[in-house]
């Protein structure tokens, strides 16, 4: 199970960096690297909110990769569960006997992660003396 995040302002931020002559890839790598621990802690926090009896079993399957690059795309990959731990999938989407208790989708749709990224973007811009 993987999550994706997109938000307004990211393209403008990257354009501002490029216009100022800054290395956009380095800035994005820095931003994602600084945000990576927050993504993991936010997934765990959302998981705890949805659990009546939190055991940590599903949380132990949460993994957030380091910054990766494929072509022009820089990203971190957050995964939960897997073939050895299907309980994360069942929790996120439910079963015929269990209501869905989503925690991955709210993490990536939520304002806390977007705010953390925007805060990091602002800090990087200030460091470069932009805006």
N, C-alpha and C. Protein backbone atom coordinates (compact mmCIF):
# COMPACT_ATOMS: atom_id res chain seq x y z
N UNK A 1 0.84 -1.16 0.00
CA UNK A 1 0.00 0.00 0.00
C UNK A 1 0.90 1.23 0.00
N UNK A 2 0.67 2.14 -0.93
CA UNK A 2 1.49 3.34 -1.05
C UNK A 2 0.59 4.57 -1.07
N UNK A 3 1.14 5.69 -0.65
CA UNK A 3 0.39 6.94 -0.69
C UNK A 3 1.11 7.98 -1.54
N UNK A 4 0.35 8.87 -2.13
CA UNK A 4 0.91 9.96 -2.93
C UNK A 4 0.41 11.28 -2.38
N UNK A 5 1.19 12.33 -2.57
CA UNK A 5 0.81 13.65 -2.09
C UNK A 5 1.14 14.68 -3.15
N UNK A 6 0.21 15.54 -3.41
CA UNK A 6 0.43 16.67 -4.31
C UNK A 6 -0.26 17.88 -3.69
N UNK A 7 0.31 19.05 -3.88
CA UNK A 7 -0.34 20.24 -3.35
C UNK A 7 0.07 21.47 -4.15
N UNK A 8 -0.79 22.48 -4.08
CA UNK A 8 -0.54 23.72 -4.82
C UNK A 8 0.66 24.44 -4.22
N UNK A 9 1.41 25.09 -5.07
CA UNK A 9 2.53 25.89 -4.61
C UNK A 9 3.88 25.23 -4.83
N UNK A 10 3.91 23.93 -4.99
CA UNK A 10 5.18 23.23 -5.14
C UNK A 10 5.87 23.63 -6.44
N UNK A 11 5.13 23.69 -7.53
CA UNK A 11 5.73 24.07 -8.81
C UNK A 11 6.28 25.50 -8.75
N UNK A 12 5.52 26.41 -8.16
CA UNK A 12 5.98 27.81 -8.05
C UNK A 12 7.25 27.89 -7.21
N UNK A 13 7.30 27.10 -6.14
CA UNK A 13 8.47 27.08 -5.27
C UNK A 13 9.70 26.64 -6.05
N UNK A 14 9.54 25.58 -6.83
CA UNK A 14 10.67 25.08 -7.62
C UNK A 14 11.08 26.09 -8.70
N UNK A 15 10.11 26.76 -9.30
CA UNK A 15 10.42 27.78 -10.31
C UNK A 15 11.17 28.95 -9.68
N UNK A 16 10.76 29.36 -8.48
CA UNK A 16 11.45 30.45 -7.78
C UNK A 16 12.90 30.07 -7.48
N UNK A 17 13.12 28.84 -7.07
CA UNK A 17 14.48 28.37 -6.80
C UNK A 17 15.32 28.40 -8.08
N UNK A 18 14.75 27.88 -9.16
CA UNK A 18 15.48 27.84 -10.43
C UNK A 18 15.79 29.25 -10.93
N UNK A 19 14.83 30.17 -10.79
CA UNK A 19 15.03 31.56 -11.22
C UNK A 19 16.14 32.24 -10.44
N UNK A 20 16.30 31.83 -9.18
CA UNK A 20 17.34 32.41 -8.33
C UNK A 20 18.69 31.73 -8.55
N UNK A 21 18.71 30.74 -9.46
CA UNK A 21 19.96 30.07 -9.75
C UNK A 21 20.33 28.98 -8.76
N UNK A 22 19.37 28.54 -7.95
CA UNK A 22 19.63 27.49 -6.96
C UNK A 22 19.41 26.12 -7.57
N UNK A 23 20.05 25.12 -7.00
CA UNK A 23 19.91 23.74 -7.44
C UNK A 23 18.59 23.19 -6.92
N UNK A 24 17.62 23.07 -7.79
CA UNK A 24 16.28 22.64 -7.40
C UNK A 24 16.30 21.21 -6.86
N UNK A 25 17.03 20.31 -7.53
CA UNK A 25 17.08 18.93 -7.07
C UNK A 25 17.64 18.84 -5.65
N UNK A 26 18.68 19.61 -5.36
CA UNK A 26 19.27 19.59 -4.02
C UNK A 26 18.28 20.12 -2.99
N UNK A 27 17.53 21.17 -3.34
CA UNK A 27 16.56 21.74 -2.41
C UNK A 27 15.41 20.76 -2.15
N UNK A 28 14.92 20.12 -3.20
CA UNK A 28 13.82 19.15 -3.05
C UNK A 28 14.31 17.95 -2.24
N UNK A 29 15.52 17.49 -2.51
CA UNK A 29 16.08 16.38 -1.74
C UNK A 29 16.17 16.75 -0.27
N UNK A 30 16.62 17.95 0.01
CA UNK A 30 16.71 18.41 1.40
C UNK A 30 15.32 18.46 2.05
N UNK A 31 14.35 19.02 1.34
CA UNK A 31 12.99 19.12 1.86
C UNK A 31 12.41 17.74 2.17
N UNK A 32 12.55 16.81 1.22
CA UNK A 32 12.02 15.47 1.44
C UNK A 32 12.75 14.75 2.56
N UNK A 33 14.05 14.93 2.63
CA UNK A 33 14.82 14.30 3.70
C UNK A 33 14.41 14.80 5.07
N UNK A 34 14.15 16.10 5.17
CA UNK A 34 13.72 16.66 6.45
C UNK A 34 12.30 16.25 6.81
N UNK A 35 11.48 15.97 5.81
CA UNK A 35 10.08 15.62 6.04
C UNK A 35 9.88 14.13 6.29
N UNK A 36 10.82 13.33 5.87
CA UNK A 36 10.71 11.86 5.97
C UNK A 36 10.33 11.38 7.38
N UNK A 37 11.03 11.81 8.45
CA UNK A 37 10.64 11.33 9.79
C UNK A 37 9.22 11.75 10.18
N UNK A 38 8.81 12.93 9.72
CA UNK A 38 7.46 13.40 10.02
C UNK A 38 6.41 12.50 9.38
N UNK A 39 6.67 12.07 8.15
CA UNK A 39 5.72 11.18 7.46
C UNK A 39 5.52 9.90 8.27
N UNK A 40 6.62 9.33 8.72
CA UNK A 40 6.53 8.09 9.49
C UNK A 40 5.78 8.32 10.80
N UNK A 41 6.10 9.39 11.51
CA UNK A 41 5.43 9.64 12.79
C UNK A 41 3.95 9.98 12.59
N UNK A 42 3.63 10.65 11.48
CA UNK A 42 2.23 10.97 11.20
C UNK A 42 1.43 9.72 10.85
N UNK A 43 2.03 8.78 10.12
CA UNK A 43 1.36 7.50 9.85
C UNK A 43 1.06 6.76 11.14
N UNK A 44 2.02 6.73 12.05
CA UNK A 44 1.81 6.06 13.34
C UNK A 44 0.73 6.78 14.14
N UNK A 45 0.76 8.11 14.16
CA UNK A 45 -0.25 8.88 14.90
C UNK A 45 -1.65 8.63 14.36
N UNK A 46 -1.79 8.62 13.02
CA UNK A 46 -3.09 8.34 12.42
C UNK A 46 -3.54 6.91 12.72
N UNK A 47 -2.60 5.99 12.71
CA UNK A 47 -2.92 4.59 13.03
C UNK A 47 -3.43 4.48 14.47
N UNK A 48 -2.76 5.16 15.39
CA UNK A 48 -3.20 5.11 16.79
C UNK A 48 -4.58 5.71 16.97
N UNK A 49 -4.92 6.74 16.19
CA UNK A 49 -6.24 7.36 16.28
C UNK A 49 -7.35 6.40 15.86
N UNK A 50 -7.05 5.52 14.93
CA UNK A 50 -8.08 4.62 14.40
C UNK A 50 -8.17 3.30 15.16
N UNK A 51 -7.24 3.05 16.06
CA UNK A 51 -7.19 1.76 16.72
C UNK A 51 -7.85 1.80 18.09
N UNK A 52 -8.78 0.88 18.30
CA UNK A 52 -9.37 0.75 19.63
C UNK A 52 -8.37 0.12 20.58
N UNK A 53 -7.66 -0.88 20.09
CA UNK A 53 -6.67 -1.58 20.91
C UNK A 53 -5.35 -1.58 20.13
N UNK A 54 -4.57 -0.54 20.30
CA UNK A 54 -3.31 -0.40 19.57
C UNK A 54 -2.29 -1.41 20.09
N UNK A 55 -1.78 -2.25 19.18
CA UNK A 55 -0.79 -3.24 19.59
C UNK A 55 0.60 -2.94 19.02
N UNK A 56 0.65 -2.11 18.00
CA UNK A 56 1.93 -1.80 17.36
C UNK A 56 2.29 -2.75 16.24
N UNK A 57 1.50 -3.80 16.04
CA UNK A 57 1.81 -4.78 15.00
C UNK A 57 1.79 -4.16 13.61
N UNK A 58 0.76 -3.39 13.30
CA UNK A 58 0.68 -2.74 11.99
C UNK A 58 1.72 -1.64 11.89
N UNK A 59 1.92 -0.90 12.97
CA UNK A 59 2.91 0.19 12.97
C UNK A 59 4.31 -0.34 12.67
N UNK A 60 4.59 -1.56 13.07
CA UNK A 60 5.92 -2.12 12.83
C UNK A 60 6.18 -2.37 11.35
N UNK A 61 5.12 -2.34 10.53
CA UNK A 61 5.29 -2.56 9.09
C UNK A 61 5.47 -1.25 8.32
N UNK A 62 5.38 -0.11 8.99
CA UNK A 62 5.52 1.19 8.33
C UNK A 62 6.98 1.42 7.99
N UNK A 63 7.22 1.75 6.73
CA UNK A 63 8.58 2.07 6.28
C UNK A 63 8.53 3.29 5.37
N UNK A 64 9.44 4.21 5.60
CA UNK A 64 9.57 5.38 4.74
C UNK A 64 10.99 5.36 4.19
N UNK A 65 11.09 5.30 2.87
CA UNK A 65 12.40 5.19 2.23
C UNK A 65 13.16 6.50 2.35
N UNK A 66 14.42 6.44 2.06
CA UNK A 66 15.19 7.66 1.89
C UNK A 66 14.76 8.32 0.59
N UNK A 67 15.30 9.48 0.31
CA UNK A 67 14.96 10.20 -0.92
C UNK A 67 15.46 9.38 -2.11
N UNK A 68 14.56 9.18 -3.07
CA UNK A 68 14.88 8.41 -4.27
C UNK A 68 14.66 9.29 -5.50
N UNK A 69 15.27 8.90 -6.61
CA UNK A 69 15.08 9.63 -7.85
C UNK A 69 14.87 8.66 -8.99
N UNK A 70 13.84 8.95 -9.79
CA UNK A 70 13.59 8.23 -11.04
C UNK A 70 13.38 9.29 -12.10
N UNK A 71 14.34 9.43 -12.98
CA UNK A 71 14.26 10.49 -14.00
C UNK A 71 14.26 11.85 -13.33
N UNK A 72 13.25 12.65 -13.63
CA UNK A 72 13.14 13.98 -13.03
C UNK A 72 12.37 13.99 -11.73
N UNK A 73 11.91 12.84 -11.28
CA UNK A 73 11.09 12.77 -10.07
C UNK A 73 11.94 12.43 -8.85
N UNK A 74 11.80 13.25 -7.83
CA UNK A 74 12.41 12.99 -6.53
C UNK A 74 11.26 12.66 -5.57
N UNK A 75 11.44 11.64 -4.74
CA UNK A 75 10.35 11.23 -3.87
C UNK A 75 10.86 10.40 -2.71
N UNK A 76 10.00 10.28 -1.70
CA UNK A 76 10.18 9.28 -0.66
C UNK A 76 8.99 8.34 -0.80
N UNK A 77 9.19 7.11 -0.48
CA UNK A 77 8.15 6.12 -0.61
C UNK A 77 7.76 5.63 0.77
N UNK A 78 6.48 5.74 1.08
CA UNK A 78 5.96 5.25 2.35
C UNK A 78 5.16 3.99 2.08
N UNK A 79 5.50 2.91 2.76
CA UNK A 79 4.78 1.65 2.59
C UNK A 79 4.33 1.14 3.95
N UNK A 80 3.23 0.43 3.92
CA UNK A 80 2.67 -0.16 5.13
C UNK A 80 2.17 -1.54 4.78
N UNK A 81 2.42 -2.48 5.65
CA UNK A 81 1.90 -3.83 5.43
C UNK A 81 2.74 -4.58 4.43
N UNK A 82 2.09 -5.33 3.59
CA UNK A 82 2.76 -6.16 2.61
C UNK A 82 2.21 -7.56 2.67
N UNK A 83 2.78 -8.45 1.90
CA UNK A 83 2.25 -9.81 1.84
C UNK A 83 2.39 -10.54 3.18
N UNK A 84 3.37 -10.16 3.99
CA UNK A 84 3.54 -10.79 5.30
C UNK A 84 2.71 -10.13 6.39
N UNK A 85 2.09 -8.99 6.08
CA UNK A 85 1.32 -8.26 7.08
C UNK A 85 0.07 -7.64 6.44
N UNK A 86 -0.89 -8.49 6.04
CA UNK A 86 -2.08 -7.97 5.34
C UNK A 86 -3.01 -7.16 6.25
N UNK A 87 -2.78 -7.17 7.55
CA UNK A 87 -3.68 -6.46 8.46
C UNK A 87 -3.73 -4.97 8.15
N UNK A 88 -2.68 -4.39 7.63
CA UNK A 88 -2.68 -2.96 7.28
C UNK A 88 -3.68 -2.70 6.17
N UNK A 89 -3.71 -3.57 5.17
CA UNK A 89 -4.67 -3.42 4.06
C UNK A 89 -6.09 -3.56 4.59
N UNK A 90 -6.33 -4.55 5.44
CA UNK A 90 -7.67 -4.77 5.99
C UNK A 90 -8.10 -3.58 6.82
N UNK A 91 -7.18 -3.02 7.58
CA UNK A 91 -7.48 -1.87 8.41
C UNK A 91 -7.83 -0.66 7.55
N UNK A 92 -7.05 -0.44 6.51
CA UNK A 92 -7.25 0.74 5.64
C UNK A 92 -8.56 0.64 4.86
N UNK A 93 -8.85 -0.52 4.32
CA UNK A 93 -9.99 -0.66 3.41
C UNK A 93 -11.16 -1.46 3.97
N UNK A 94 -10.97 -2.15 5.07
CA UNK A 94 -12.03 -2.93 5.67
C UNK A 94 -12.19 -4.29 5.01
N UNK A 95 -13.05 -5.08 5.61
CA UNK A 95 -13.41 -6.40 5.08
C UNK A 95 -14.92 -6.54 5.21
N UNK A 96 -15.44 -7.68 4.84
CA UNK A 96 -16.88 -7.89 5.01
C UNK A 96 -17.26 -7.94 6.49
N UNK A 97 -16.31 -8.20 7.35
CA UNK A 97 -16.57 -8.29 8.80
C UNK A 97 -16.01 -7.12 9.60
N UNK A 98 -15.25 -6.28 8.95
CA UNK A 98 -14.58 -5.18 9.68
C UNK A 98 -14.72 -3.89 8.88
N UNK A 99 -15.18 -2.86 9.54
CA UNK A 99 -15.29 -1.56 8.88
C UNK A 99 -13.89 -1.01 8.60
N UNK A 100 -13.78 -0.25 7.55
CA UNK A 100 -12.49 0.39 7.22
C UNK A 100 -12.12 1.41 8.29
N UNK A 101 -10.86 1.44 8.63
CA UNK A 101 -10.31 2.42 9.57
C UNK A 101 -9.09 3.05 8.91
N UNK A 102 -9.31 3.89 7.90
CA UNK A 102 -8.19 4.42 7.11
C UNK A 102 -7.22 5.25 7.96
N UNK A 103 -5.95 5.04 7.70
CA UNK A 103 -4.91 5.83 8.36
C UNK A 103 -3.87 6.31 7.36
N UNK A 104 -3.69 5.60 6.24
CA UNK A 104 -2.73 6.02 5.23
C UNK A 104 -3.29 7.20 4.44
N UNK A 105 -4.49 7.05 3.93
CA UNK A 105 -5.08 8.13 3.13
C UNK A 105 -5.21 9.42 3.92
N UNK A 106 -5.68 9.40 5.17
CA UNK A 106 -5.75 10.66 5.93
C UNK A 106 -4.38 11.30 6.16
N UNK A 107 -3.35 10.49 6.25
CA UNK A 107 -2.00 11.05 6.43
C UNK A 107 -1.61 11.88 5.22
N UNK A 108 -1.87 11.38 4.03
CA UNK A 108 -1.45 12.07 2.82
C UNK A 108 -2.45 13.11 2.34
N UNK A 109 -3.67 13.03 2.80
CA UNK A 109 -4.67 14.04 2.45
C UNK A 109 -4.73 15.14 3.49
N UNK A 110 -4.19 14.87 4.65
CA UNK A 110 -4.32 15.79 5.77
C UNK A 110 -3.49 17.05 5.64
N UNK A 111 -3.90 18.05 6.36
CA UNK A 111 -3.24 19.35 6.33
C UNK A 111 -1.91 19.36 7.08
N UNK A 112 -1.72 18.47 8.05
CA UNK A 112 -0.50 18.50 8.85
C UNK A 112 0.75 18.22 8.00
N UNK A 113 0.67 17.24 7.11
CA UNK A 113 1.82 16.93 6.25
C UNK A 113 2.06 18.06 5.25
N UNK A 114 0.99 18.57 4.67
CA UNK A 114 1.14 19.69 3.73
C UNK A 114 1.75 20.90 4.43
N UNK A 115 1.28 21.18 5.64
CA UNK A 115 1.83 22.31 6.39
C UNK A 115 3.30 22.11 6.71
N UNK A 116 3.68 20.89 7.04
CA UNK A 116 5.08 20.58 7.34
C UNK A 116 5.95 20.80 6.10
N UNK A 117 5.47 20.37 4.95
CA UNK A 117 6.21 20.58 3.70
C UNK A 117 6.31 22.06 3.37
N UNK A 118 5.22 22.79 3.52
CA UNK A 118 5.24 24.23 3.23
C UNK A 118 6.17 24.97 4.19
N UNK A 119 6.18 24.56 5.44
CA UNK A 119 7.10 25.14 6.43
C UNK A 119 8.56 24.89 6.01
N UNK A 120 8.84 23.68 5.56
CA UNK A 120 10.18 23.35 5.09
C UNK A 120 10.56 24.14 3.85
N UNK A 121 9.59 24.32 2.94
CA UNK A 121 9.84 25.10 1.73
C UNK A 121 10.19 26.54 2.09
N UNK A 122 9.46 27.10 3.04
CA UNK A 122 9.70 28.48 3.47
C UNK A 122 11.09 28.62 4.09
N UNK A 123 11.46 27.65 4.92
CA UNK A 123 12.78 27.68 5.56
C UNK A 123 13.90 27.63 4.53
N UNK A 124 13.76 26.77 3.54
CA UNK A 124 14.77 26.66 2.49
C UNK A 124 14.86 27.96 1.69
N UNK A 125 13.72 28.55 1.37
CA UNK A 125 13.72 29.82 0.64
C UNK A 125 14.43 30.91 1.44
N UNK A 126 14.17 30.97 2.73
CA UNK A 126 14.81 31.96 3.58
C UNK A 126 16.32 31.75 3.62
N UNK A 127 16.72 30.50 3.70
CA UNK A 127 18.14 30.17 3.72
C UNK A 127 18.85 30.64 2.45
N UNK A 128 18.14 30.56 1.33
CA UNK A 128 18.71 31.00 0.06
C UNK A 128 18.50 32.50 -0.17
N UNK A 129 17.77 33.16 0.74
CA UNK A 129 17.52 34.58 0.60
C UNK A 129 16.50 34.91 -0.47
N UNK A 130 15.56 34.00 -0.69
CA UNK A 130 14.53 34.19 -1.71
C UNK A 130 13.21 34.47 -1.01
N UNK A 131 12.51 35.47 -1.49
CA UNK A 131 11.21 35.90 -0.95
C UNK A 131 11.33 36.18 0.50
